[in-house]
């Protein structure tokens, strides 16, 4: 199976999650003065989107590197 079958959808998901994280992060930090004890639960969990997207992008890149090295090593045998 070609490595891009996993890398392209993974990269697309990482980009989408990072973009959502950037939107949520700017909205949360922009509305900190409006946040009170009753509304923090609606906004703060969204702050995990940006680190999640960055971690997913790193995992996809590491998988692509590992698979390409493995495929090259298998081709040399």
N, C-alpha and C. Protein backbone atom coordinates (compact mmCIF):
# COMPACT_ATOMS: atom_id res chain seq x y z
N UNK A 1 0.84 -1.17 0.00
CA UNK A 1 0.00 0.00 0.00
C UNK A 1 0.89 1.24 0.00
N UNK A 2 0.62 2.19 -0.86
CA UNK A 2 1.44 3.40 -0.91
C UNK A 2 1.32 4.22 0.38
N UNK A 3 2.42 4.84 0.75
CA UNK A 3 2.46 5.62 1.99
C UNK A 3 1.51 6.81 1.93
N UNK A 4 1.26 7.34 0.77
CA UNK A 4 0.42 8.53 0.67
C UNK A 4 -1.05 8.23 0.96
N UNK A 5 -1.45 6.93 0.93
CA UNK A 5 -2.83 6.57 1.31
C UNK A 5 -3.11 6.95 2.76
N UNK A 6 -2.10 6.93 3.61
CA UNK A 6 -2.27 7.30 5.01
C UNK A 6 -1.84 8.74 5.28
N UNK A 7 -0.84 9.21 4.55
CA UNK A 7 -0.28 10.53 4.83
C UNK A 7 -1.20 11.67 4.37
N UNK A 8 -1.80 11.53 3.22
CA UNK A 8 -2.65 12.61 2.70
C UNK A 8 -3.88 12.85 3.59
N UNK A 9 -4.65 11.81 3.94
CA UNK A 9 -5.78 12.07 4.84
C UNK A 9 -5.35 12.53 6.23
N UNK A 10 -4.24 11.98 6.72
CA UNK A 10 -3.74 12.40 8.03
C UNK A 10 -3.32 13.85 8.03
N UNK A 11 -2.65 14.28 6.96
CA UNK A 11 -2.24 15.68 6.86
C UNK A 11 -3.45 16.59 6.73
N UNK A 12 -4.45 16.15 5.98
CA UNK A 12 -5.67 16.94 5.86
C UNK A 12 -6.38 17.10 7.20
N UNK A 13 -6.44 16.03 7.95
CA UNK A 13 -7.07 16.09 9.28
C UNK A 13 -6.26 17.00 10.21
N UNK A 14 -4.93 16.90 10.15
CA UNK A 14 -4.09 17.74 11.00
C UNK A 14 -4.28 19.21 10.68
N UNK A 15 -4.35 19.54 9.39
CA UNK A 15 -4.55 20.93 8.98
C UNK A 15 -5.91 21.44 9.46
N UNK A 16 -6.94 20.61 9.32
CA UNK A 16 -8.28 21.01 9.73
C UNK A 16 -8.35 21.23 11.23
N UNK A 17 -7.76 20.33 12.01
CA UNK A 17 -7.80 20.47 13.47
C UNK A 17 -6.99 21.68 13.92
N UNK A 18 -5.82 21.92 13.28
CA UNK A 18 -5.03 23.09 13.64
C UNK A 18 -5.77 24.39 13.32
N UNK A 19 -6.45 24.41 12.17
CA UNK A 19 -7.20 25.61 11.79
C UNK A 19 -8.33 25.87 12.79
N UNK A 20 -9.02 24.81 13.18
CA UNK A 20 -10.08 24.96 14.19
C UNK A 20 -9.48 25.42 15.52
N UNK A 21 -8.32 24.89 15.87
CA UNK A 21 -7.66 25.30 17.10
C UNK A 21 -7.27 26.75 17.10
N UNK A 22 -6.80 27.24 15.96
CA UNK A 22 -6.45 28.65 15.87
C UNK A 22 -7.68 29.53 16.04
N UNK A 23 -8.80 29.12 15.45
CA UNK A 23 -10.03 29.90 15.60
C UNK A 23 -10.51 29.92 17.05
N UNK A 24 -10.52 28.74 17.67
CA UNK A 24 -10.99 28.65 19.05
C UNK A 24 -10.07 29.43 19.98
N UNK A 25 -8.76 29.30 19.76
CA UNK A 25 -7.79 29.97 20.63
C UNK A 25 -7.97 31.49 20.56
N UNK A 26 -8.11 32.03 19.37
CA UNK A 26 -8.28 33.49 19.27
C UNK A 26 -9.60 33.94 19.87
N UNK A 27 -10.65 33.11 19.72
CA UNK A 27 -11.93 33.50 20.30
C UNK A 27 -11.91 33.42 21.82
N UNK A 28 -11.24 32.40 22.35
CA UNK A 28 -11.18 32.26 23.81
C UNK A 28 -10.37 33.39 24.42
N UNK A 29 -9.19 33.66 23.86
CA UNK A 29 -8.36 34.72 24.43
C UNK A 29 -8.93 36.10 24.14
N UNK A 30 -9.70 36.23 23.08
CA UNK A 30 -10.35 37.51 22.80
C UNK A 30 -11.54 37.77 23.70
N UNK A 31 -12.14 36.69 24.23
CA UNK A 31 -13.32 36.86 25.07
C UNK A 31 -13.08 36.54 26.53
N UNK A 32 -11.83 36.63 26.97
CA UNK A 32 -11.54 36.32 28.38
C UNK A 32 -12.26 37.25 29.35
N UNK A 33 -12.47 38.49 28.93
CA UNK A 33 -13.14 39.42 29.84
C UNK A 33 -14.62 39.08 30.01
N UNK A 34 -15.20 38.37 29.02
CA UNK A 34 -16.61 38.00 29.09
C UNK A 34 -16.83 36.65 29.78
N UNK A 35 -15.75 35.89 30.00
CA UNK A 35 -15.88 34.56 30.58
C UNK A 35 -16.07 34.65 32.10
N UNK A 36 -17.02 33.88 32.60
CA UNK A 36 -17.23 33.84 34.04
C UNK A 36 -17.29 32.38 34.50
N UNK A 37 -17.67 32.18 35.74
CA UNK A 37 -17.69 30.82 36.31
C UNK A 37 -18.65 29.90 35.58
N UNK A 38 -19.67 30.42 34.99
CA UNK A 38 -20.69 29.59 34.35
C UNK A 38 -20.40 29.28 32.89
N UNK A 39 -19.53 30.02 32.24
CA UNK A 39 -19.34 29.81 30.80
C UNK A 39 -17.97 29.27 30.41
N UNK A 40 -17.07 29.05 31.34
CA UNK A 40 -15.72 28.60 30.98
C UNK A 40 -15.74 27.19 30.39
N UNK A 41 -16.68 26.36 30.80
CA UNK A 41 -16.73 24.98 30.33
C UNK A 41 -17.09 24.86 28.86
N UNK A 42 -17.68 25.87 28.29
CA UNK A 42 -18.04 25.84 26.88
C UNK A 42 -16.87 26.20 25.98
N UNK A 43 -15.90 26.93 26.49
CA UNK A 43 -14.83 27.45 25.64
C UNK A 43 -13.46 26.81 25.91
N UNK A 44 -13.11 26.60 27.13
CA UNK A 44 -11.75 26.15 27.45
C UNK A 44 -11.38 24.77 26.90
N UNK A 45 -12.27 23.80 26.82
CA UNK A 45 -11.86 22.52 26.23
C UNK A 45 -11.42 22.64 24.76
N UNK A 46 -11.91 23.65 24.08
CA UNK A 46 -11.50 23.87 22.69
C UNK A 46 -10.04 24.25 22.54
N UNK A 47 -9.41 24.67 23.63
CA UNK A 47 -7.98 25.01 23.56
C UNK A 47 -7.11 23.80 23.31
N UNK A 48 -7.65 22.60 23.46
CA UNK A 48 -6.87 21.40 23.18
C UNK A 48 -6.76 21.11 21.69
N UNK A 49 -7.54 21.79 20.85
CA UNK A 49 -7.50 21.53 19.41
C UNK A 49 -6.15 21.87 18.79
N UNK A 50 -5.58 22.99 19.17
CA UNK A 50 -4.30 23.39 18.57
C UNK A 50 -3.17 22.43 18.91
N UNK A 51 -2.96 22.07 20.18
CA UNK A 51 -1.91 21.07 20.46
C UNK A 51 -2.21 19.71 19.82
N UNK A 52 -3.48 19.35 19.74
CA UNK A 52 -3.86 18.09 19.12
C UNK A 52 -3.49 18.11 17.63
N UNK A 53 -3.78 19.20 16.94
CA UNK A 53 -3.44 19.31 15.52
C UNK A 53 -1.94 19.29 15.29
N UNK A 54 -1.20 19.99 16.14
CA UNK A 54 0.26 19.99 16.00
C UNK A 54 0.85 18.60 16.25
N UNK A 55 0.32 17.91 17.25
CA UNK A 55 0.79 16.56 17.55
C UNK A 55 0.42 15.59 16.43
N UNK A 56 -0.76 15.73 15.88
CA UNK A 56 -1.17 14.89 14.76
C UNK A 56 -0.30 15.13 13.55
N UNK A 57 0.04 16.38 13.27
CA UNK A 57 0.93 16.70 12.15
C UNK A 57 2.31 16.09 12.36
N UNK A 58 2.82 16.16 13.58
CA UNK A 58 4.12 15.56 13.87
C UNK A 58 4.07 14.04 13.71
N UNK A 59 2.98 13.42 14.13
CA UNK A 59 2.85 11.97 14.00
C UNK A 59 2.76 11.55 12.54
N UNK A 60 2.04 12.31 11.74
CA UNK A 60 1.93 12.00 10.31
C UNK A 60 3.29 12.14 9.63
N UNK A 61 4.02 13.20 9.97
CA UNK A 61 5.36 13.39 9.38
C UNK A 61 6.30 12.28 9.81
N UNK A 62 6.26 11.89 11.07
CA UNK A 62 7.13 10.80 11.54
C UNK A 62 6.78 9.49 10.86
N UNK A 63 5.49 9.23 10.66
CA UNK A 63 5.07 8.02 9.97
C UNK A 63 5.56 8.01 8.54
N UNK A 64 5.45 9.16 7.86
CA UNK A 64 5.90 9.24 6.47
C UNK A 64 7.40 8.98 6.37
N UNK A 65 8.18 9.54 7.28
CA UNK A 65 9.63 9.34 7.27
C UNK A 65 9.96 7.87 7.56
N UNK A 66 9.31 7.31 8.57
CA UNK A 66 9.59 5.93 8.93
C UNK A 66 9.22 4.98 7.80
N UNK A 67 8.06 5.19 7.18
CA UNK A 67 7.64 4.32 6.09
C UNK A 67 8.54 4.46 4.87
N UNK A 68 8.98 5.68 4.56
CA UNK A 68 9.85 5.85 3.39
C UNK A 68 11.20 5.20 3.63
N UNK A 69 11.72 5.29 4.85
CA UNK A 69 12.98 4.61 5.17
C UNK A 69 12.81 3.10 5.10
N UNK A 70 11.70 2.60 5.61
CA UNK A 70 11.44 1.17 5.59
C UNK A 70 11.29 0.67 4.15
N UNK A 71 10.57 1.44 3.34
CA UNK A 71 10.37 1.04 1.95
C UNK A 71 11.69 1.04 1.18
N UNK A 72 12.55 2.04 1.44
CA UNK A 72 13.85 2.06 0.77
C UNK A 72 14.72 0.90 1.22
N UNK A 73 14.68 0.57 2.50
CA UNK A 73 15.48 -0.56 3.00
C UNK A 73 14.97 -1.87 2.41
N UNK A 74 13.68 -2.02 2.23
CA UNK A 74 13.13 -3.24 1.64
C UNK A 74 13.50 -3.33 0.17
N UNK A 75 13.60 -2.19 -0.49
CA UNK A 75 13.95 -2.18 -1.91
C UNK A 75 15.41 -2.53 -2.15
N UNK A 76 16.29 -2.30 -1.17
CA UNK A 76 17.71 -2.58 -1.32
C UNK A 76 18.04 -4.04 -1.16
N UNK A 77 17.16 -4.81 -0.54
CA UNK A 77 17.44 -6.24 -0.29
C UNK A 77 17.40 -7.06 -1.52
